[in-house]
Amino acid sequence: MTSTMFNERLDQLPAYPFPRLAALLDGIEPGQSPLVMSIGEPQHEPPAMITDAMVKHANLWHKYPPGAGTPELREAIKNWLDRRYDLPTDMLDRDDHILPVAGTREALYLIATTVIPQDTPGPKPKVLLPNPFYQVYCGAAVLNDAEMVPLAAGPENGFLPDLDQIDTETLDACRLFFLCSPANPQGSIASRDYLERIIALARKHDFVLAMDECYADIYDRSAPVGALEICAAQGGNMDNVLVFHSLSKRSSAPGLRSGFVAGDRKIVKRFTALRSYCSATIPMPVMAASVDLWNDDAHARENRDLYRAKIDIAEEIFGNRFGFYRPPGGFFLWLDVGDDEAATKKIWREAGVKVIPGSYLSITDAKGNNPGKQFIRIALVHDLATTRDGLTRIAQALEN
């Protein structure tokens, strides 16, 4: 099979983190019973309402689901957004501003295909993204023939891209800016002022701000501000702004593959047209379960309390060592270990716990800097006892 049969842009993608981790640990025997804390896959018991709803609506498996979701699902999403972000009830139209998607992973990828112009004169379109980043952002940029611009998000700037360091030429060429808040992996939360500034930049330079807010209901002290809150304060203007949400983390249901995108109606309309040609739709029984989940906040509070308890355990075990801090949002620890790959191998060899090197979640920039190189990411997705055991093992291995 000749290379001309393939999309050559695939060769420009960096190696995916988890195969890299498998190669790094290959041949190393774990010193204790294996425990995986490298993957952000929630292990909390999913709400019983998922099974109840899918059984109740099992007769709908024989129906092709509507690509734009059911009116009931869009209404449930609208009501959740209104509650969660205290939005005016007339700001969002369920049919114009909201689009259910089969998991935000594919939606974050496909939004680039929607908004990045092709074969246009002038500089190559740019996609800006925080560094470290969710790998889908990178794929979205590269496979749409855009120039990926990683923006260092280290401790020196609160683990968020420094907006003051982005030059005007880059902003003018930007067509899409990915931002995650709470951030994966660092747990940082964009402030109201930060969001106001980046939304203003999006409108001034005419790029789309894609706000990945999938961890919005998992936080330590204060509920993260959302981009739509800022839009509401500006009279409901959602131009150039999209938010992405999912039930994967909020409801401990990553296998449900149910999320949504909301915001600028012009972009949502174009995105809906694209998805009609290429995207999976959410099965009807899954949509019915999703309605119940978005309508219920109690299970999300219980979920959040469990993660907060695990942060308490982590603080007890690590204290002020290894750069530990309480992540304001999300469920990851981002520990400073000096050499990420060496620490990852040591932890696996001595403790039997899989973590992931920070450099595998980042990219080396044009100056040769990788902002994840000194960190490891630990996913606090297990029950309290397992989490305590795993973190204790990790701390002992790092101390030796």
Protein backbone atom coordinates (compact mmCIF):
# COMPACT_ATOMS: atom_id res chain seq x y z
CA MET A 1 0.00 0.00 0.00
CA THR A 2 1.57 3.29 -1.08
CA SER A 3 1.91 6.36 1.12
CA THR A 4 -0.16 8.35 -1.39
CA MET A 5 -3.23 6.48 -0.13
CA PHE A 6 -3.02 8.20 3.26
CA ASN A 7 -3.49 11.68 4.64
CA GLU A 8 0.10 12.79 5.15
CA ARG A 9 -0.93 15.20 7.89
CA LEU A 10 -1.33 12.18 10.16
CA ASP A 11 2.45 11.94 10.19
CA GLN A 12 2.64 15.42 11.74
CA LEU A 13 0.75 14.39 14.86
CA PRO A 14 2.82 13.77 17.98
CA ALA A 15 2.69 10.28 19.45
CA TYR A 16 -0.43 9.78 21.56
CA PRO A 17 0.30 9.80 25.32
CA PHE A 18 -0.89 6.35 26.34
CA PRO A 19 0.99 4.29 23.73
CA ARG A 20 4.06 6.36 24.68
CA LEU A 21 3.48 5.47 28.33
CA ALA A 22 3.16 1.77 27.47
CA ALA A 23 6.46 1.92 25.59
CA LEU A 24 8.16 3.76 28.45
CA LEU A 25 7.13 1.13 31.00
CA ASP A 26 7.59 -1.88 28.73
CA GLY A 27 9.74 -4.52 30.38
CA ILE A 28 9.54 -2.97 33.86
CA GLU A 29 7.94 -5.26 36.41
CA PRO A 30 5.69 -3.41 38.86
CA GLY A 31 6.92 -3.69 42.42
CA GLN A 32 3.41 -3.98 43.89
CA SER A 33 -0.06 -4.89 42.67
CA PRO A 34 -0.74 -2.70 39.61
CA LEU A 35 -2.93 0.38 39.97
CA VAL A 36 -3.77 2.67 37.06
CA MET A 37 -3.88 6.38 37.97
CA SER A 38 -2.81 7.64 34.57
CA ILE A 39 -6.21 7.80 32.85
CA GLY A 40 -8.93 10.31 33.69
CA GLU A 41 -11.66 7.69 33.60
CA PRO A 42 -14.12 8.22 36.48
CA GLN A 43 -14.63 5.09 38.57
CA HIS A 44 -17.43 6.41 40.78
CA GLU A 45 -20.67 4.44 40.57
CA PRO A 46 -22.78 5.98 37.80
CA PRO A 47 -26.24 7.22 38.85
CA ALA A 48 -28.92 4.51 38.80
CA MET A 49 -31.13 6.84 36.77
CA ILE A 50 -29.03 6.00 33.70
CA THR A 51 -30.07 2.35 33.71
CA ASP A 52 -33.63 3.19 34.76
CA ALA A 53 -34.09 5.63 31.87
CA MET A 54 -32.55 3.34 29.27
CA VAL A 55 -34.71 0.41 30.35
CA LYS A 56 -37.81 2.61 30.37
CA HIS A 57 -37.04 3.84 26.85
CA ALA A 58 -35.68 0.56 25.43
CA ASN A 59 -38.38 0.62 22.75
CA LEU A 60 -36.52 3.55 21.15
CA TRP A 61 -33.46 1.51 20.15
CA HIS A 62 -35.08 0.81 16.79
CA LYS A 63 -35.30 4.52 15.91
CA TYR A 64 -32.68 6.60 14.14
CA PRO A 65 -31.92 9.44 16.57
CA PRO A 66 -32.24 13.04 15.34
CA GLY A 67 -28.85 14.63 14.77
CA ALA A 68 -29.77 17.77 16.70
CA GLY A 69 -31.07 15.77 19.65
CA THR A 70 -34.59 15.66 20.97
CA PRO A 71 -36.36 18.86 22.07
CA GLU A 72 -36.50 17.39 25.58
CA LEU A 73 -32.72 16.99 25.68
CA ARG A 74 -32.05 20.48 24.38
CA GLU A 75 -34.52 21.85 26.94
CA ALA A 76 -32.82 19.95 29.78
CA ILE A 77 -29.43 21.30 28.69
CA LYS A 78 -30.77 24.84 28.47
CA ASN A 79 -32.29 24.58 31.95
CA TRP A 80 -29.01 23.26 33.38
CA LEU A 81 -27.01 26.08 31.80
CA ASP A 82 -29.52 28.60 33.15
CA ARG A 83 -29.24 27.13 36.67
CA ARG A 84 -25.52 26.51 36.68
CA TYR A 85 -24.51 29.91 35.34
CA ASP A 86 -27.49 32.00 36.49
CA LEU A 87 -28.32 32.98 32.92
CA PRO A 88 -31.37 35.04 31.93
CA THR A 89 -34.02 32.55 30.86
CA ASP A 90 -34.46 34.28 27.51
CA MET A 91 -30.75 34.27 26.61
CA LEU A 92 -30.49 30.76 25.19
CA ASP A 93 -32.85 29.35 22.59
CA ARG A 94 -32.81 25.57 22.86
CA ASP A 95 -33.14 25.17 19.09
CA ASP A 96 -30.67 27.82 17.93
CA HIS A 97 -27.92 27.91 20.54
CA ILE A 98 -27.58 24.29 21.71
CA LEU A 99 -26.44 21.17 19.89
CA PRO A 100 -26.18 17.78 21.67
CA VAL A 101 -23.13 15.75 20.56
CA ALA A 102 -21.96 12.18 20.95
CA GLY A 103 -19.26 13.09 23.43
CA THR A 104 -17.28 16.32 23.36
CA ARG A 105 -14.13 14.62 22.06
CA GLU A 106 -15.43 14.46 18.48
CA ALA A 107 -17.12 17.84 18.81
CA LEU A 108 -13.87 19.54 19.85
CA TYR A 109 -12.19 17.95 16.86
CA LEU A 110 -14.91 18.76 14.33
CA ILE A 111 -15.36 22.37 15.35
CA ALA A 112 -12.02 23.01 13.66
CA THR A 113 -13.36 21.62 10.39
CA THR A 114 -16.31 23.99 10.77
CA VAL A 115 -14.45 27.24 11.42
CA ILE A 116 -10.98 26.93 9.87
CA PRO A 117 -11.10 28.27 6.30
CA GLN A 118 -9.50 26.15 3.60
CA ASP A 119 -7.47 27.24 0.56
CA THR A 120 -7.65 30.94 1.33
CA PRO A 121 -4.91 33.45 0.45
CA GLY A 122 -2.71 34.94 3.13
CA PRO A 123 -1.04 33.41 6.19
CA LYS A 124 -1.90 29.87 7.20
CA PRO A 125 -4.72 29.88 9.78
CA LYS A 126 -3.52 29.42 13.35
CA VAL A 127 -5.03 27.41 16.17
CA LEU A 128 -4.01 28.56 19.64
CA LEU A 129 -4.08 26.13 22.56
CA PRO A 130 -2.74 25.89 26.10
CA ASN A 131 0.37 23.81 26.63
CA PRO A 132 -0.15 21.22 28.24
CA PHE A 133 -3.37 20.39 26.42
CA TYR A 134 -6.02 17.79 25.65
CA GLN A 135 -4.61 15.94 22.65
CA VAL A 136 -7.73 16.38 20.53
CA TYR A 137 -6.94 20.10 20.20
CA CYS A 138 -3.69 19.19 18.47
CA GLY A 139 -5.38 16.77 16.09
CA ALA A 140 -8.02 19.34 15.22
CA ALA A 141 -5.35 21.87 14.24
CA VAL A 142 -2.97 19.62 12.34
CA LEU A 143 -5.54 17.65 10.36
CA ASN A 144 -7.23 20.86 9.22
CA ASP A 145 -3.91 22.18 7.90
CA ALA A 146 -3.67 24.96 10.45
CA GLU A 147 -0.57 26.06 12.30
CA MET A 148 -0.72 24.92 15.90
CA VAL A 149 0.50 27.57 18.36
CA PRO A 150 1.11 26.09 21.84
CA LEU A 151 0.95 28.67 24.65
CA ALA A 152 2.88 27.76 27.78
CA ALA A 153 0.57 27.33 30.78
CA GLY A 154 3.00 26.87 33.66
CA PRO A 155 3.07 27.88 37.33
CA GLU A 156 4.61 31.25 36.49
CA ASN A 157 1.33 32.37 34.91
CA GLY A 158 -1.20 30.47 37.00
CA PHE A 159 -1.25 27.47 34.63
CA LEU A 160 -3.11 29.50 31.99
CA PRO A 161 -1.80 30.99 28.72
CA ASP A 162 -0.41 34.50 29.19
CA LEU A 163 -2.65 36.57 26.92
CA ASP A 164 -0.24 39.51 27.05
CA GLN A 165 2.47 37.43 25.37
CA ILE A 166 0.45 36.74 22.20
CA ASP A 167 1.46 39.14 19.44
CA THR A 168 -1.04 40.91 17.20
CA GLU A 169 0.07 39.06 14.07
CA THR A 170 -0.67 35.72 15.71
CA LEU A 171 -4.07 36.89 16.94
CA ASP A 172 -4.97 38.22 13.49
CA ALA A 173 -4.17 34.82 11.94
CA CYS A 174 -5.94 32.87 14.69
CA ARG A 175 -9.17 31.19 13.65
CA LEU A 176 -9.69 28.99 16.71
CA PHE A 177 -8.53 29.27 20.33
CA PHE A 178 -8.99 26.26 22.61
CA LEU A 179 -9.15 26.96 26.34
CA CYS A 180 -9.95 24.45 29.08
CA SER A 181 -11.29 25.66 32.44
CA PRO A 182 -10.99 23.94 34.84
CA ALA A 183 -7.83 22.91 33.05
CA ASN A 184 -6.71 19.39 32.29
CA PRO A 185 -4.20 18.57 33.77
CA GLN A 186 -3.43 21.46 36.13
CA GLY A 187 -6.91 22.16 37.53
CA SER A 188 -6.53 25.92 37.06
CA ILE A 189 -9.66 28.04 36.64
CA ALA A 190 -9.94 31.06 34.39
CA SER A 191 -11.14 34.11 36.32
CA ARG A 192 -13.96 36.38 35.25
CA ASP A 193 -11.43 39.02 34.19
CA TYR A 194 -9.46 36.46 32.18
CA LEU A 195 -12.56 35.30 30.33
CA GLU A 196 -13.64 38.86 29.62
CA ARG A 197 -10.23 39.55 28.08
CA ILE A 198 -10.11 36.45 25.91
CA ILE A 199 -13.67 36.93 24.66
CA ALA A 200 -12.81 40.52 23.76
CA LEU A 201 -9.78 39.27 21.83
CA ALA A 202 -11.93 36.71 19.99
CA ARG A 203 -14.28 39.44 18.79
CA LYS A 204 -11.56 41.97 18.01
CA HIS A 205 -9.51 39.50 15.94
CA ASP A 206 -12.49 37.43 14.73
CA PHE A 207 -11.57 33.98 15.93
CA VAL A 208 -13.72 31.35 17.65
CA LEU A 209 -13.15 30.75 21.35
CA ALA A 210 -13.81 27.06 22.05
CA MET A 211 -14.23 26.81 25.82
CA ASP A 212 -13.78 23.24 27.03
CA GLU A 213 -15.73 23.33 30.30
CA CYS A 214 -16.15 19.58 30.78
CA TYR A 215 -14.87 19.73 34.40
CA ALA A 216 -17.14 22.66 35.33
CA ASP A 217 -19.06 20.74 38.00
CA ILE A 218 -15.94 19.31 39.66
CA TYR A 219 -14.32 21.96 41.82
CA ASP A 220 -12.81 22.41 45.26
CA ARG A 221 -14.09 25.67 46.73
CA SER A 222 -15.85 27.94 44.24
CA ALA A 223 -17.84 27.07 41.13
CA PRO A 224 -15.82 28.04 38.04
CA VAL A 225 -17.03 31.00 36.05
CA GLY A 226 -18.24 29.99 32.59
CA ALA A 227 -17.89 31.81 29.29
CA LEU A 228 -21.66 32.09 28.94
CA GLU A 229 -21.77 33.92 32.28
CA ILE A 230 -19.55 36.57 30.74
CA CYS A 231 -21.77 36.69 27.66
CA ALA A 232 -24.81 37.16 29.89
CA ALA A 233 -23.16 40.11 31.61
CA GLN A 234 -22.60 41.62 28.15
CA GLY A 235 -26.28 41.60 27.32
CA GLY A 236 -26.39 38.00 26.06
CA ASN A 237 -23.96 38.53 23.19
CA MET A 238 -22.52 35.09 22.35
CA ASP A 239 -20.68 36.08 19.17
CA ASN A 240 -17.48 34.06 18.61
CA VAL A 241 -18.03 31.94 21.74
CA LEU A 242 -18.78 28.23 22.07
CA VAL A 243 -18.81 26.16 25.26
CA PHE A 244 -18.41 22.39 25.38
CA HIS A 245 -19.81 20.22 28.19
CA SER A 246 -20.10 16.52 28.86
CA LEU A 247 -21.71 14.01 31.20
CA SER A 248 -18.50 11.96 31.31
CA LYS A 249 -17.03 13.71 34.35
CA ARG A 250 -20.10 15.40 35.85
CA SER A 251 -22.06 12.13 36.00
CA SER A 252 -19.22 9.56 36.03
CA ALA A 253 -20.51 8.23 32.71
CA PRO A 254 -17.74 8.42 30.08
CA GLY A 255 -19.21 5.42 28.29
CA LEU A 256 -22.47 7.26 27.72
CA ARG A 257 -20.81 9.51 25.08
CA SER A 258 -23.18 12.38 25.68
CA GLY A 259 -22.37 16.08 25.70
CA PHE A 260 -23.25 19.32 23.99
CA VAL A 261 -21.94 22.50 22.45
CA ALA A 262 -23.67 25.85 23.01
CA GLY A 263 -23.15 29.47 22.06
CA ASP A 264 -22.96 31.58 18.90
CA ARG A 265 -26.01 30.59 16.83
CA LYS A 266 -24.25 31.20 13.50
CA ILE A 267 -21.51 28.70 14.37
CA VAL A 268 -23.95 26.21 15.88
CA LYS A 269 -25.96 26.29 12.65
CA ARG A 270 -22.88 25.60 10.52
CA PHE A 271 -21.67 22.95 12.93
CA THR A 272 -25.05 21.21 12.78
CA ALA A 273 -24.78 21.09 8.98
CA LEU A 274 -21.31 19.53 9.14
CA ARG A 275 -22.32 16.92 11.70
CA SER A 276 -25.20 15.80 9.48
CA TYR A 277 -22.60 14.39 7.10
CA CYS A 278 -20.00 12.87 9.38
CA SER A 279 -20.95 12.46 13.02
CA ALA A 280 -22.47 9.79 15.18
CA THR A 281 -25.72 10.74 16.88
CA ILE A 282 -26.73 9.94 20.42
CA PRO A 283 -29.06 6.91 20.61
CA MET A 284 -32.58 7.73 21.77
CA PRO A 285 -32.41 5.76 25.08
CA VAL A 286 -29.09 7.49 25.86
CA MET A 287 -30.71 10.85 25.16
CA ALA A 288 -33.51 9.95 27.56
CA ALA A 289 -30.95 9.12 30.26
CA SER A 290 -29.10 12.36 29.47
CA VAL A 291 -32.28 14.36 30.04
CA ASP A 292 -32.56 12.92 33.55
CA LEU A 293 -28.88 13.56 34.30
CA TRP A 294 -28.93 17.21 33.20
CA ASN A 295 -32.13 17.74 35.18
CA ASP A 296 -30.57 16.39 38.38
CA ASP A 297 -27.92 18.31 40.35
CA ALA A 298 -27.87 16.13 43.48
CA HIS A 299 -25.74 13.38 41.97
CA ALA A 300 -23.26 15.99 40.69
CA ARG A 301 -22.90 17.42 44.22
CA GLU A 302 -22.26 13.94 45.63
CA ASN A 303 -19.71 13.31 42.91
CA ARG A 304 -17.97 16.61 43.67
CA ASP A 305 -17.86 15.82 47.39
CA LEU A 306 -16.06 12.55 46.67
CA TYR A 307 -13.41 14.30 44.61
CA ARG A 308 -12.97 16.95 47.31
CA ALA A 309 -12.42 14.19 49.88
CA LYS A 310 -9.70 12.72 47.67
CA ILE A 311 -8.00 16.10 47.39
CA ASP A 312 -8.04 16.17 51.20
CA ILE A 313 -6.27 12.80 51.23
CA ALA A 314 -3.69 14.05 48.73
CA GLU A 315 -3.02 17.16 50.82
CA GLU A 316 -2.56 14.99 53.91
CA ILE A 317 -0.06 12.74 52.12
CA PHE A 318 1.94 15.27 50.10
CA GLY A 319 1.65 18.43 52.18
CA ASN A 320 4.02 21.00 50.70
CA ARG A 321 6.18 18.44 48.90
CA PHE A 322 6.56 17.93 45.14
CA GLY A 323 4.88 21.25 44.41
CA PHE A 324 1.55 19.97 45.68
CA TYR A 325 -1.34 22.43 45.60
CA ARG A 326 -5.07 21.91 45.89
CA PRO A 327 -6.33 22.04 42.29
CA PRO A 328 -9.22 24.53 42.16
CA GLY A 329 -11.04 22.29 39.68
CA GLY A 330 -10.95 18.88 38.05
CA PHE A 331 -9.63 15.66 39.57
CA PHE A 332 -5.95 15.57 38.66
CA LEU A 333 -2.79 16.18 40.65
CA TRP A 334 0.02 17.93 38.79
CA LEU A 335 3.14 17.16 40.82
CA ASP A 336 6.60 18.64 40.29
CA VAL A 337 9.01 15.69 40.23
CA GLY A 338 11.95 17.16 38.31
CA ASP A 339 12.26 14.49 35.61
CA ASP A 340 8.84 13.25 34.55
CA GLU A 341 9.88 10.08 32.70
CA ALA A 342 12.37 8.99 35.38
CA ALA A 343 9.77 9.54 38.11
CA THR A 344 7.10 7.67 36.15
CA LYS A 345 9.35 4.64 35.74
CA LYS A 346 10.40 4.74 39.38
CA ILE A 347 6.82 4.91 40.61
CA TRP A 348 5.84 1.95 38.41
CA ARG A 349 8.89 -0.08 39.39
CA GLU A 350 8.68 0.55 43.13
CA ALA A 351 5.00 1.30 43.76
CA GLY A 352 3.19 -0.46 40.92
CA VAL A 353 1.22 2.71 40.12
CA LYS A 354 0.84 4.08 36.61
CA VAL A 355 0.98 7.84 36.27
CA ILE A 356 1.68 9.80 33.12
CA PRO A 357 4.65 12.08 32.37
CA GLY A 358 3.67 15.70 31.92
CA SER A 359 5.72 16.03 28.75
CA TYR A 360 3.44 13.45 27.12
CA LEU A 361 0.54 15.88 27.61
CA SER A 362 2.51 18.82 26.23
CA ILE A 363 4.49 19.70 23.15
CA THR A 364 7.99 21.06 22.82
CA ASP A 365 7.76 24.59 21.49
CA ALA A 366 9.91 26.33 18.88
CA LYS A 367 12.44 27.30 21.57
CA GLY A 368 12.84 23.70 22.72
CA ASN A 369 10.82 24.13 25.93
CA ASN A 370 8.30 21.58 27.14
CA PRO A 371 6.25 22.97 30.05
CA GLY A 372 5.23 19.50 31.24
CA LYS A 373 8.72 18.06 31.50
CA GLN A 374 9.05 18.33 35.28
CA PHE A 375 5.52 17.18 36.15
CA ILE A 376 3.48 14.01 36.42
CA ARG A 377 -0.30 13.80 36.23
CA ILE A 378 -2.20 11.62 38.69
CA ALA A 379 -5.90 10.91 38.15
CA LEU A 380 -7.93 10.73 41.37
CA VAL A 381 -10.67 8.59 39.87
CA HIS A 382 -10.83 5.63 42.27
CA ASP A 383 -12.65 5.18 45.57
CA LEU A 384 -11.26 6.78 48.72
CA ALA A 385 -9.43 3.70 50.02
CA THR A 386 -7.81 2.93 46.67
CA THR A 387 -6.84 6.57 46.24
CA ARG A 388 -5.18 6.68 49.64
CA ASP A 389 -3.30 3.47 48.91
CA GLY A 390 -2.11 4.68 45.51
CA LEU A 391 -1.02 8.12 46.69
CA THR A 392 0.78 6.64 49.70
CA ARG A 393 2.69 4.32 47.39
CA ILE A 394 3.57 7.17 45.05
CA ALA A 395 4.83 9.36 47.89
CA GLN A 396 7.00 6.55 49.24
CA ALA A 397 8.51 5.89 45.83
CA LEU A 398 9.27 9.58 45.26
CA GLU A 399 10.87 9.86 48.72
CA ASN A 400 13.26 6.93 48.17
